[in-house]
Protein backbone atom coordinates (compact mmCIF):
# COMPACT_ATOMS: atom_id res chain seq x y z
CA MET A 1 -0.18 -29.51 4.65
CA ASN A 2 3.59 -29.04 4.68
CA GLY A 3 5.54 -25.92 5.62
CA ALA A 4 5.89 -24.70 2.06
CA GLU A 5 2.15 -24.90 1.49
CA SER A 6 1.47 -23.06 4.73
CA LEU A 7 3.77 -20.26 3.58
CA VAL A 8 2.05 -19.88 0.20
CA GLN A 9 -1.34 -19.84 1.94
CA THR A 10 -0.10 -17.21 4.38
CA MET A 11 1.23 -15.00 1.62
CA LEU A 12 -2.00 -15.18 -0.38
CA ALA A 13 -4.11 -14.54 2.71
CA SER A 14 -1.91 -11.50 3.38
CA GLY A 15 -2.44 -10.10 -0.11
CA VAL A 16 1.04 -10.99 -1.36
CA ASP A 17 0.45 -12.71 -4.70
CA THR A 18 3.67 -12.06 -6.64
CA VAL A 19 7.12 -13.58 -6.20
CA PHE A 20 10.22 -12.86 -8.30
CA ALA A 21 12.09 -16.14 -8.15
CA ASN A 22 15.42 -17.78 -8.82
CA PRO A 23 15.05 -21.05 -6.91
CA GLY A 24 17.43 -23.91 -6.19
CA THR A 25 17.26 -27.36 -4.59
CA SER A 26 16.36 -26.12 -1.11
CA GLU A 27 13.29 -24.35 -2.54
CA MET A 28 11.85 -27.27 -4.52
CA HIS A 29 8.97 -27.89 -2.14
CA PHE A 30 8.01 -24.24 -2.35
CA CYS A 31 7.98 -24.56 -6.15
CA ALA A 32 5.84 -27.69 -5.85
CA ALA A 33 3.40 -25.86 -3.57
CA LEU A 34 2.81 -23.29 -6.31
CA ASP A 35 1.05 -25.96 -8.38
CA GLN A 36 -1.70 -26.05 -5.78
CA TYR A 37 -2.10 -22.25 -5.73
CA PRO A 38 -2.16 -20.97 -9.33
CA GLU A 39 -3.27 -17.56 -8.07
CA MET A 40 0.32 -16.99 -6.90
CA ASN A 41 2.15 -15.20 -9.72
CA CYS A 42 5.73 -16.48 -9.81
CA VAL A 43 8.04 -14.57 -12.20
CA LEU A 44 11.24 -16.43 -13.06
CA CYS A 45 14.38 -14.27 -13.20
CA LEU A 46 17.60 -15.71 -14.59
CA PHE A 47 19.77 -13.86 -12.07
CA GLU A 48 19.07 -13.08 -8.43
CA GLY A 49 19.76 -9.37 -9.01
CA GLY A 50 16.68 -9.47 -11.21
CA THR A 51 14.50 -10.74 -8.37
CA SER A 52 15.49 -7.96 -5.98
CA ALA A 53 15.15 -5.14 -8.52
CA GLY A 54 11.85 -6.59 -9.72
CA ALA A 55 10.41 -6.68 -6.19
CA ASP A 56 11.80 -3.19 -5.52
CA CYS A 57 10.12 -1.52 -8.48
CA TYR A 58 6.97 -3.59 -8.02
CA PHE A 59 6.66 -1.95 -4.60
CA ARG A 60 7.46 1.51 -5.97
CA MET A 61 4.47 1.26 -8.32
CA LYS A 62 2.08 -1.03 -6.42
CA ARG A 63 2.85 0.42 -2.98
CA ASP A 64 2.69 -3.08 -1.56
CA VAL A 65 5.14 -5.89 -1.12
CA ALA A 66 6.18 -8.75 -3.36
CA GLY A 67 8.46 -11.63 -2.50
CA THR A 68 11.76 -12.87 -3.79
CA LEU A 69 12.73 -16.55 -3.77
CA LEU A 70 16.49 -17.04 -3.36
CA HIS A 71 18.83 -19.99 -2.93
CA LEU A 72 21.12 -20.03 0.10
CA ALA A 73 23.79 -17.43 0.94
CA PRO A 74 25.29 -17.20 -2.59
CA GLY A 75 21.85 -16.54 -4.07
CA PHE A 76 21.20 -13.81 -1.54
CA GLY A 77 24.64 -12.40 -2.28
CA ASN A 78 23.80 -12.17 -5.98
CA ALA A 79 20.66 -10.18 -5.06
CA TYR A 80 22.54 -7.84 -2.74
CA ALA A 81 23.33 -4.87 -5.02
CA ASN A 82 19.71 -4.33 -6.00
CA LEU A 83 18.57 -4.95 -2.42
CA HIS A 84 20.84 -2.03 -1.58
CA ASN A 85 18.94 0.07 -4.13
CA ALA A 86 15.63 -1.17 -2.70
CA ARG A 87 16.66 -0.15 0.81
CA LYS A 88 17.67 3.32 -0.37
CA ALA A 89 14.34 3.57 -2.22
CA GLY A 90 12.40 2.72 0.95
CA SER A 91 10.80 -0.28 -0.74
CA GLY A 92 9.11 -3.08 1.15
CA LEU A 93 9.77 -6.66 0.08
CA VAL A 94 10.04 -10.14 1.57
CA ASN A 95 13.07 -12.30 0.76
CA ILE A 96 12.42 -16.02 1.13
CA VAL A 97 15.80 -17.72 1.30
CA GLY A 98 16.10 -21.48 1.26
CA ASP A 99 18.69 -22.97 3.60
CA HIS A 100 20.03 -26.48 4.01
CA ALA A 101 17.92 -28.86 6.08
CA THR A 102 18.65 -28.42 9.78
CA HIS A 103 20.35 -31.81 10.11
CA HIS A 104 22.51 -31.11 7.04
CA LEU A 105 23.87 -27.89 8.52
CA ALA A 106 26.15 -29.99 10.74
CA TYR A 107 28.33 -30.60 7.67
CA GLU A 108 30.44 -28.24 5.57
CA SER A 109 28.58 -28.76 2.30
CA PRO A 110 29.62 -26.67 -0.74
CA LEU A 111 26.75 -24.16 -0.61
CA LYS A 112 26.70 -23.73 3.15
CA GLY A 113 27.18 -20.05 4.00
CA ASP A 114 26.39 -17.33 6.51
CA ILE A 115 22.85 -16.47 5.42
CA GLN A 116 22.22 -14.56 8.61
CA GLY A 117 25.35 -12.45 8.22
CA VAL A 118 24.78 -11.46 4.61
CA SER A 119 21.03 -10.96 5.17
CA GLN A 120 21.24 -8.84 8.29
CA SER A 121 23.69 -6.43 6.67
CA ILE A 122 20.94 -5.20 4.32
CA SER A 123 17.63 -6.34 5.88
CA HIS A 124 15.60 -4.39 8.45
CA TRP A 125 14.11 -7.68 9.73
CA TYR A 126 15.51 -11.21 9.70
CA ARG A 127 14.30 -14.57 11.00
CA TRP A 128 15.34 -18.21 10.57
CA SER A 129 12.44 -20.65 10.95
CA PRO A 130 13.41 -23.61 13.18
CA ASP A 131 10.60 -25.97 12.17
CA ALA A 132 7.66 -26.40 9.79
CA GLY A 133 5.16 -25.35 12.42
CA SER A 134 6.79 -21.93 12.65
CA VAL A 135 6.74 -21.12 8.96
CA ALA A 136 3.22 -19.66 8.66
CA GLY A 137 3.62 -17.37 11.65
CA ASP A 138 7.11 -16.34 10.63
CA GLY A 139 5.87 -15.60 7.12
CA ALA A 140 3.10 -13.41 8.47
CA ALA A 141 5.62 -11.58 10.66
CA ALA A 142 7.92 -11.04 7.67
CA ILE A 143 5.11 -9.52 5.62
CA ARG A 144 4.10 -7.28 8.50
CA ALA A 145 7.70 -6.10 8.87
CA ALA A 146 8.00 -5.43 5.13
CA ARG A 147 4.89 -3.24 5.25
CA SER A 148 6.04 -1.33 8.33
CA LEU A 149 7.53 2.19 8.38
CA ASN A 150 6.54 2.88 4.75
CA GLY A 151 8.45 -0.18 3.51
CA GLN A 152 11.26 -2.37 4.81
CA ILE A 153 13.35 -5.31 3.64
CA ALA A 154 12.37 -8.47 5.51
CA THR A 155 14.26 -11.74 5.09
CA LEU A 156 12.95 -15.15 6.11
CA ALA A 157 15.36 -18.08 5.93
CA LEU A 158 13.73 -21.51 5.65
CA PRO A 159 15.69 -24.74 6.14
CA ALA A 160 14.63 -27.21 3.47
CA ASN A 161 13.02 -29.63 5.92
CA THR A 162 10.70 -26.89 7.22
CA ALA A 163 9.20 -26.88 3.73
CA TRP A 164 8.65 -30.63 3.39
CA GLU A 165 7.64 -31.52 6.95
CA ALA A 166 4.05 -31.31 8.21
CA ALA A 167 3.07 -27.84 9.41
CA ARG A 168 1.24 -27.15 12.65
CA THR A 169 0.85 -23.47 13.43
CA PRO A 170 1.48 -23.00 17.17
CA ALA A 171 -0.13 -20.30 19.28
CA GLY A 172 1.77 -17.13 20.00
CA ARG A 173 3.79 -17.05 16.76
CA GLY A 174 1.88 -14.40 14.87
CA ASP A 175 -1.31 -14.49 12.86
CA PRO A 176 -0.96 -17.21 10.17
CA THR A 177 -3.48 -15.43 7.95
CA GLY A 178 -1.19 -12.41 7.74
CA ALA A 179 -4.06 -10.12 8.75
CA GLU A 180 -2.04 -8.45 11.50
CA GLN A 181 -1.48 -4.82 10.51
CA PRO A 182 1.86 -2.98 10.69
CA PRO A 183 2.27 -0.43 13.47
CA ALA A 184 0.98 3.11 13.03
CA LEU A 185 3.44 5.59 11.57
CA HIS A 186 4.96 8.21 13.83
CA ARG A 187 3.77 11.77 13.15
CA PRO A 188 5.54 15.12 13.59
CA GLU A 189 4.56 17.12 16.66
CA THR A 190 2.31 20.15 16.26
CA ARG A 191 5.06 22.54 17.30
CA ALA A 192 7.35 21.12 14.61
CA ILE A 193 4.63 21.66 11.98
CA GLU A 194 4.09 25.23 13.15
CA ALA A 195 7.82 25.97 13.14
CA ALA A 196 8.13 24.59 9.60
CA ALA A 197 5.18 26.67 8.42
CA GLN A 198 6.85 29.80 9.73
CA ARG A 199 10.28 28.87 8.37
CA LEU A 200 8.95 28.32 4.84
CA THR A 201 7.77 31.94 4.62
CA LEU A 202 11.25 33.34 5.26
CA PRO A 203 13.64 34.40 2.47
CA GLY A 204 15.71 31.61 0.95
CA ALA A 205 13.47 28.83 2.29
CA ALA A 206 13.13 25.49 0.55
CA LEU A 207 10.95 22.41 1.12
CA MET A 208 12.71 19.21 0.11
CA ILE A 209 10.43 16.21 -0.38
CA GLY A 210 10.89 12.46 -0.83
CA GLY A 211 9.05 9.15 -0.67
CA ALA A 212 5.32 9.32 -1.35
CA ALA A 213 5.49 13.13 -1.51
CA LEU A 214 7.18 12.87 -4.90
CA PHE A 215 4.15 11.67 -6.86
CA GLY A 216 0.38 11.86 -7.13
CA GLY A 217 -1.75 14.05 -4.93
CA LEU A 218 0.94 14.54 -2.30
CA ARG A 219 3.30 16.03 -4.91
CA GLN A 220 0.61 18.54 -5.83
CA LEU A 221 0.02 19.33 -2.15
CA ALA A 222 3.73 20.04 -1.72
CA GLY A 223 3.47 22.40 -4.69
CA GLN A 224 0.52 24.16 -3.06
CA ILE A 225 2.50 24.65 0.15
CA CYS A 226 5.35 26.25 -1.77
CA ALA A 227 2.93 28.43 -3.73
CA ALA A 228 1.36 29.66 -0.49
CA THR A 229 4.65 30.30 1.34
CA GLY A 230 6.98 31.36 -1.46
CA ALA A 231 9.39 28.55 -0.63
CA ARG A 232 11.21 26.61 -3.32
CA LEU A 233 10.31 22.94 -3.85
CA LEU A 234 13.38 20.69 -4.03
CA ILE A 235 13.91 17.05 -5.05
CA ASP A 236 17.15 15.19 -4.40
CA THR A 237 19.33 13.74 -7.15
CA LEU A 238 18.29 10.10 -6.82
CA ILE A 239 14.58 9.43 -6.52
CA PRO A 240 12.61 6.16 -6.23
CA ARG A 241 9.50 7.41 -8.04
CA ALA A 242 8.35 10.87 -9.11
CA SER A 243 5.51 12.37 -11.11
CA ARG A 244 6.73 13.95 -14.32
CA GLY A 245 5.26 15.83 -17.23
CA ALA A 246 2.38 18.21 -17.80
CA GLY A 247 0.33 19.19 -14.77
CA THR A 248 2.98 18.13 -12.24
CA ALA A 249 4.00 20.63 -9.58
CA THR A 250 7.33 22.14 -10.58
CA ALA A 251 10.40 21.37 -8.50
CA ALA A 252 14.14 21.93 -8.68
CA HIS A 253 15.82 18.55 -9.12
CA LEU A 254 19.32 18.64 -7.63
CA PRO A 255 21.89 17.58 -10.25
CA TYR A 256 24.54 14.88 -9.86
CA PRO A 257 27.81 16.81 -10.46
CA VAL A 258 29.16 18.67 -7.44
CA GLU A 259 29.56 22.18 -8.88
CA PRO A 260 26.03 22.37 -10.36
CA LYS A 261 24.62 20.95 -7.12
CA LEU A 262 26.38 23.65 -5.09
CA GLU A 263 25.15 26.28 -7.54
CA ALA A 264 21.56 25.02 -7.24
CA LEU A 265 21.57 25.77 -3.51
CA VAL A 266 23.29 29.16 -3.54
CA ASN A 267 21.32 31.67 -1.41
CA THR A 268 19.31 28.87 0.19
CA ARG A 269 18.97 29.77 3.86
CA SER A 270 16.87 26.87 5.12
CA ILE A 271 15.87 23.41 3.89
CA THR A 272 12.92 21.67 5.54
CA LEU A 273 13.15 17.92 4.99
CA LEU A 274 9.87 16.03 4.50
CA GLY A 275 10.12 12.33 3.69
CA THR A 276 13.76 12.51 2.68
CA GLN A 277 17.32 12.61 3.99
CA ARG A 278 19.71 15.55 4.03
CA PRO A 279 21.25 16.15 0.59
CA VAL A 280 24.86 15.05 0.18
CA THR A 281 27.30 14.83 -2.70
CA PHE A 282 27.56 11.40 -4.26
CA PHE A 283 31.26 10.99 -3.42
CA ALA A 284 34.01 12.87 -1.64
CA TYR A 285 36.23 14.81 -4.02
CA PRO A 286 39.57 16.55 -3.33
CA GLY A 287 38.95 20.10 -2.18
CA LYS A 288 35.16 19.87 -2.55
CA PRO A 289 32.52 19.75 0.23
CA SER A 290 30.43 16.70 1.08
CA LEU A 291 27.39 18.83 1.97
CA PRO A 292 26.10 20.97 -0.91
CA GLU A 293 24.16 23.63 1.01
CA PRO A 294 25.73 26.98 2.04
CA ALA A 295 27.46 27.07 5.41
CA ASN A 296 24.75 29.26 6.96
CA CYS A 297 21.82 27.16 5.66
CA GLU A 298 19.57 25.64 8.34
CA ILE A 299 18.69 21.97 7.85
CA ALA A 300 15.42 21.13 9.63
CA GLU A 301 14.12 17.55 9.70
CA LEU A 302 10.31 17.71 9.87
CA CYS A 303 9.36 14.19 8.78
CA ARG A 304 11.78 11.31 8.34
CA PRO A 305 11.21 8.84 5.46
CA GLU A 306 9.78 6.19 7.81
CA MET A 307 7.21 8.60 9.31
CA ASP A 308 3.67 9.54 8.21
CA ILE A 309 4.45 11.62 5.14
CA ALA A 310 0.82 12.14 4.10
CA PHE A 311 -0.11 13.42 7.57
CA ALA A 312 2.89 15.76 7.67
CA LEU A 313 2.06 17.29 4.28
CA ASP A 314 -1.60 17.69 5.11
CA ALA A 315 -0.83 19.29 8.48
CA LEU A 316 1.72 21.60 6.89
CA ALA A 317 -0.79 22.60 4.21
CA GLN A 318 -3.33 23.45 6.90
CA ALA A 319 -0.76 25.45 8.87
CA THR A 320 0.24 27.46 5.79
CA ASN A 321 -3.33 27.98 4.48
CA ALA A 322 -2.23 26.23 1.30
CA THR A 323 -5.20 23.96 0.60
CA LYS A 324 -6.66 26.35 -1.98
CA ALA A 325 -3.39 27.63 -3.41
CA GLN A 326 -2.59 26.94 -7.05
CA PRO A 327 0.79 25.27 -7.49
CA ARG A 328 3.07 26.10 -10.37
CA VAL A 329 2.91 23.18 -12.80
CA TYR A 330 4.72 22.10 -15.92
CA PRO A 331 2.73 22.93 -19.07
CA LEU A 332 1.99 20.46 -21.83
CA ASP A 333 4.48 21.56 -24.50
CA LEU A 334 5.18 18.66 -26.80
CA PRO A 335 8.14 19.20 -29.10
CA ALA A 336 7.58 18.58 -32.76
CA LEU A 337 8.71 15.20 -34.00
CA PRO A 338 12.32 16.08 -34.88
CA SER A 339 14.13 15.58 -38.15
CA GLY A 340 17.72 15.99 -39.21
CA THR A 341 20.73 14.81 -37.22
CA LEU A 342 20.56 12.14 -34.52
CA THR A 343 21.68 13.65 -31.22
CA LEU A 344 20.76 12.89 -27.64
CA GLU A 345 18.67 16.07 -27.66
CA SER A 346 16.73 15.15 -30.80
CA ALA A 347 16.27 11.57 -29.55
CA GLY A 348 14.87 12.91 -26.27
CA ALA A 349 12.52 15.23 -28.14
CA ALA A 350 11.19 12.27 -30.14
CA LEU A 351 10.41 10.32 -26.98
CA ALA A 352 8.77 13.39 -25.42
CA HIS A 353 6.60 13.76 -28.52
CA LEU A 354 5.56 10.09 -28.57
CA LEU A 355 5.46 9.05 -24.89
CA PRO A 356 1.91 7.98 -23.98
CA GLU A 357 0.14 9.37 -20.95
CA GLY A 358 0.58 7.27 -17.84
CA ALA A 359 3.85 5.70 -19.00
CA ILE A 360 6.48 4.59 -16.49
CA VAL A 361 10.06 5.56 -17.35
CA CYS A 362 12.89 3.66 -15.65
CA ASN A 363 15.82 6.03 -16.05
CA GLU A 364 19.31 4.61 -15.61
CA ALA A 365 20.90 6.70 -18.36
CA ILE A 366 22.99 8.77 -15.99
CA THR A 367 25.27 10.68 -18.38
CA SER A 368 23.16 10.43 -21.55
CA GLY A 369 20.07 11.35 -19.56
CA PHE A 370 21.42 14.82 -18.80
CA ARG A 371 20.90 15.72 -22.45
CA PHE A 372 18.15 13.25 -23.36
CA ALA A 373 15.58 13.63 -20.57
CA PRO A 374 14.86 17.41 -20.18
CA PRO A 375 12.06 17.50 -22.82
CA LEU A 376 10.13 14.91 -20.79
CA THR A 377 9.29 17.51 -18.13
CA GLN A 378 6.68 18.97 -20.53
CA ALA A 379 5.54 15.71 -22.09
CA ARG A 380 2.28 13.96 -21.29
CA PRO A 381 1.91 13.05 -17.59
CA HIS A 382 4.03 10.03 -16.67
CA GLU A 383 6.12 8.71 -13.81
CA MET A 384 9.87 8.38 -13.51
CA LEU A 385 11.66 5.69 -11.53
CA GLY A 386 15.31 6.43 -10.81
CA GLY A 387 18.39 4.91 -9.30
CA THR A 388 18.46 5.29 -5.54
CA GLY A 389 21.46 3.48 -4.12
CA GLY A 390 23.98 4.02 -6.89
CA ALA A 391 24.36 0.30 -7.68
CA ILE A 392 23.93 -0.04 -11.43
CA GLY A 393 22.00 -2.72 -13.27
CA TRP A 394 18.57 -2.07 -11.74
CA SER A 395 16.60 -0.62 -14.66
CA LEU A 396 15.99 -3.72 -16.82
CA PRO A 397 14.75 -5.94 -13.95
CA GLY A 398 13.12 -2.89 -12.37
CA ALA A 399 11.06 -2.53 -15.53
CA VAL A 400 10.00 -6.18 -15.12
CA GLY A 401 8.72 -5.32 -11.63
CA ALA A 402 6.99 -2.11 -12.73
CA ALA A 403 5.31 -3.81 -15.70
CA THR A 404 4.20 -6.70 -13.50
CA ALA A 405 2.68 -4.27 -11.00
CA CYS A 406 1.04 -2.12 -13.71
CA PRO A 407 0.29 -4.33 -16.73
CA ASP A 408 -1.95 -1.66 -18.27
CA ARG A 409 0.82 0.95 -18.50
CA LYS A 410 3.65 1.32 -21.01
CA VAL A 411 7.12 1.00 -19.45
CA VAL A 412 10.17 2.63 -21.07
CA VAL A 413 13.73 1.89 -19.98
CA LEU A 414 16.58 4.35 -20.52
CA THR A 415 19.90 2.60 -19.89
CA GLY A 416 23.55 2.85 -20.82
CA ASP A 417 25.27 -0.06 -22.49
CA GLY A 418 27.49 -0.69 -19.47
CA SER A 419 24.58 -0.70 -17.04
CA ALA A 420 22.45 -2.93 -19.26
CA MET A 421 25.04 -5.70 -19.22
CA TYR A 422 24.73 -6.16 -15.46
CA THR A 423 21.25 -7.68 -15.75
CA ILE A 424 20.80 -8.36 -19.45
CA GLN A 425 19.01 -11.63 -18.56
CA SER A 426 15.96 -9.55 -17.70
CA LEU A 427 15.19 -9.29 -21.41
CA TRP A 428 14.33 -13.00 -21.35
CA THR A 429 11.86 -12.48 -18.50
CA MET A 430 10.25 -9.61 -20.43
CA ALA A 431 9.81 -11.92 -23.41
CA ARG A 432 8.54 -14.86 -21.38
CA GLU A 433 6.00 -12.74 -19.51
CA GLY A 434 5.02 -10.71 -22.59
CA LEU A 435 5.66 -7.45 -20.72
CA ASP A 436 4.93 -4.11 -22.38
CA VAL A 437 8.46 -2.69 -22.07
CA THR A 438 10.42 -0.59 -24.56
CA VAL A 439 14.17 -0.54 -23.85
CA ILE A 440 16.41 2.22 -25.21
CA VAL A 441 20.11 1.39 -24.85
CA PHE A 442 22.50 4.33 -25.21
CA ALA A 443 25.46 2.68 -26.92
CA ASN A 444 28.29 5.10 -26.17
CA ARG A 445 30.64 2.12 -25.89
CA GLY A 446 31.84 2.73 -22.37
CA TYR A 447 31.27 3.71 -18.76
CA GLN A 448 30.96 7.41 -19.57
CA ILE A 449 30.24 8.25 -15.94
CA LEU A 450 33.72 6.98 -15.00
CA ARG A 451 35.37 9.13 -17.66
CA ASP A 452 33.67 12.13 -16.10
CA GLU A 453 34.60 11.06 -12.58
CA LEU A 454 38.32 11.04 -13.46
CA GLN A 455 38.10 14.77 -14.02
CA ASN A 456 35.97 15.27 -10.91
CA VAL A 457 38.68 13.76 -8.72
CA GLY A 458 41.35 15.90 -10.37
CA VAL A 459 42.88 13.51 -12.94
CA GLN A 460 43.29 15.64 -16.05
CA SER A 461 44.85 13.06 -18.36
CA TYR A 462 45.06 9.29 -18.54
CA GLY A 463 46.53 6.63 -20.76
CA ALA A 464 45.71 3.29 -22.32
CA ASN A 465 45.47 1.27 -19.11
CA ALA A 466 42.94 3.61 -17.53
CA ARG A 467 41.04 3.95 -20.81
CA ALA A 468 40.70 0.18 -21.02
CA MET A 469 38.86 0.21 -17.68
CA PHE A 470 36.20 2.60 -19.02
CA ASP A 471 35.63 1.52 -22.61
CA VAL A 472 33.24 -1.24 -23.67
CA GLU A 473 34.92 -1.88 -26.99
CA GLY A 474 37.13 -4.47 -28.66
CA PRO A 475 34.72 -6.14 -29.29
CA SER A 476 31.73 -3.81 -29.33
CA LEU A 477 28.57 -5.13 -27.73
CA ASP A 478 25.78 -6.06 -30.14
CA PHE A 479 22.53 -5.34 -28.33
CA VAL A 480 20.39 -6.28 -31.31
CA ALA A 481 21.86 -9.78 -31.23
CA LEU A 482 21.71 -9.91 -27.44
CA ALA A 483 18.03 -8.89 -27.40
CA LYS A 484 17.02 -11.31 -30.15
CA GLY A 485 18.92 -14.07 -28.37
CA HIS A 486 16.70 -13.42 -25.34
CA GLY A 487 13.51 -13.38 -27.42
CA VAL A 488 13.03 -9.60 -27.66
CA PRO A 489 12.59 -7.88 -31.06
CA ALA A 490 15.33 -5.29 -31.56
CA SER A 491 16.81 -2.78 -33.99
CA ARG A 492 19.84 -0.51 -34.16
CA ALA A 493 19.37 3.21 -34.80
CA GLU A 494 22.25 5.20 -36.26
CA THR A 495 20.09 7.92 -37.82
CA LEU A 496 17.22 9.95 -36.44
CA GLU A 497 14.84 8.43 -38.99
CA GLN A 498 15.78 4.89 -37.92
CA TYR A 499 15.35 5.78 -34.26
CA THR A 500 12.00 7.54 -34.69
CA SER A 501 10.61 4.69 -36.78
CA ALA A 502 11.77 2.07 -34.28
CA LEU A 503 10.42 4.08 -31.35
CA GLN A 504 7.00 4.50 -32.95
CA ALA A 505 6.77 0.78 -33.64
CA ALA A 506 7.91 -0.18 -30.13
CA LEU A 507 5.47 2.17 -28.40
CA ALA A 508 2.63 0.92 -30.61
CA SER A 509 3.25 -2.70 -29.67
CA ASP A 510 2.06 -4.35 -26.48
CA GLY A 511 5.15 -6.48 -25.88
CA PRO A 512 8.86 -5.96 -25.27
CA ALA A 513 11.17 -4.27 -27.77
CA LEU A 514 14.72 -2.91 -27.70
CA ILE A 515 16.37 -0.05 -29.57
CA GLU A 516 20.14 0.25 -29.61
CA LEU A 517 20.74 3.99 -29.97
CA VAL A 518 24.22 4.62 -31.37
CA CYS A 519 24.82 8.23 -30.40
CA ASP A 520 27.54 10.06 -28.45
């Protein structure tokens, strides 16, 4: 057995059976090892940013780690932006980065780079294996680290010769089967729970939730706590995963723009944080505050994102006598299938009418989504994955990860044309894997968010040079041609009838499809 084979065995024994890969020469022995272990699902991504977003959203849905396979420092660098999003999402994943053979590192070869430097700037855990005998134990340690504290980014760098040389697992280097469990999560103290329970009953109180509290049974429990105490349930602007639709406990979702965010927190006198960070504006703007809450609002951190969120919610429910309370929930109120003029509102109503129960929506339509997405709150129950770190280009490869984790669920992507171009190669992976993903591209021919941001920073007018930085025109992008060139069926919708027909066909299929929605 060589080092590469010992790593694959360790991953499978640890329950890690999926890797999003973009390999190079230093990873060839790992690729060869996959032939001996067909139970390892290796998903080829044509850009490293696809591997990191895929593993990120795989974790968001599966609640367990996947791997990425990357090539040297440049490959890791290409994955960096979506690793940033994964870190902000609290996702656990294991990066396997091939390095030059140890004896080759003495020379300044073209692809030699500072893997440790670039990796440690985004990873919670990093290790460089010195020899083949260390690989199995180091792999087990990486998986354990990735599963720790509700999810971390772990990076294991493997010199090429550690993959091809014979592996002997030495004692004292971790459990090579990967059975070692991550450490127990820290829990809030009883007095902190009691103080939070009292605080939530006071006027102007809010409970702000994140992480696992945003979906499933924990989301409903948070709603029960607010129903019992009279507090308002809050969700921050950028969320990794949240329950949405009929039957979900209602919550106020803080908006992106500064003024509406400030307005949403007027008269709020306390915010208890459970599984999330303190809210903050996305950027600093001239004459506008960085913190959106009123000056006299108390910010109380009950449970940090890396702590035991389920325990904290359960204890808080017990302390507030909320276990039998009925939370306020969104009703099922499907809009009629619209007719008439194609607008973002009518397009959103059509999706709300047609969206199947249990769907996963990857929403990267930042500006279009303000007008498109509201009807989804009363659609059939589904889940929404959102941007978390602000780095764009995550939704297409994120949909690959979500669909890989949940092959029995329909995945819908909402993306702008500018964002889609960052990781357009993901369409090819959708086609190759036969993933059940419907992509809706909002073709407003520009970075609309940047046009808005000019006004937010106080620039009231701008000319041709600035406009050229924001427009995606001259030539216009042809997403129908781009999708078909990647093997994905596609159509362009310029009328509501075209859009509705294309959406019905895409949702009825069990493979990938793309709709280019031409609508301002």
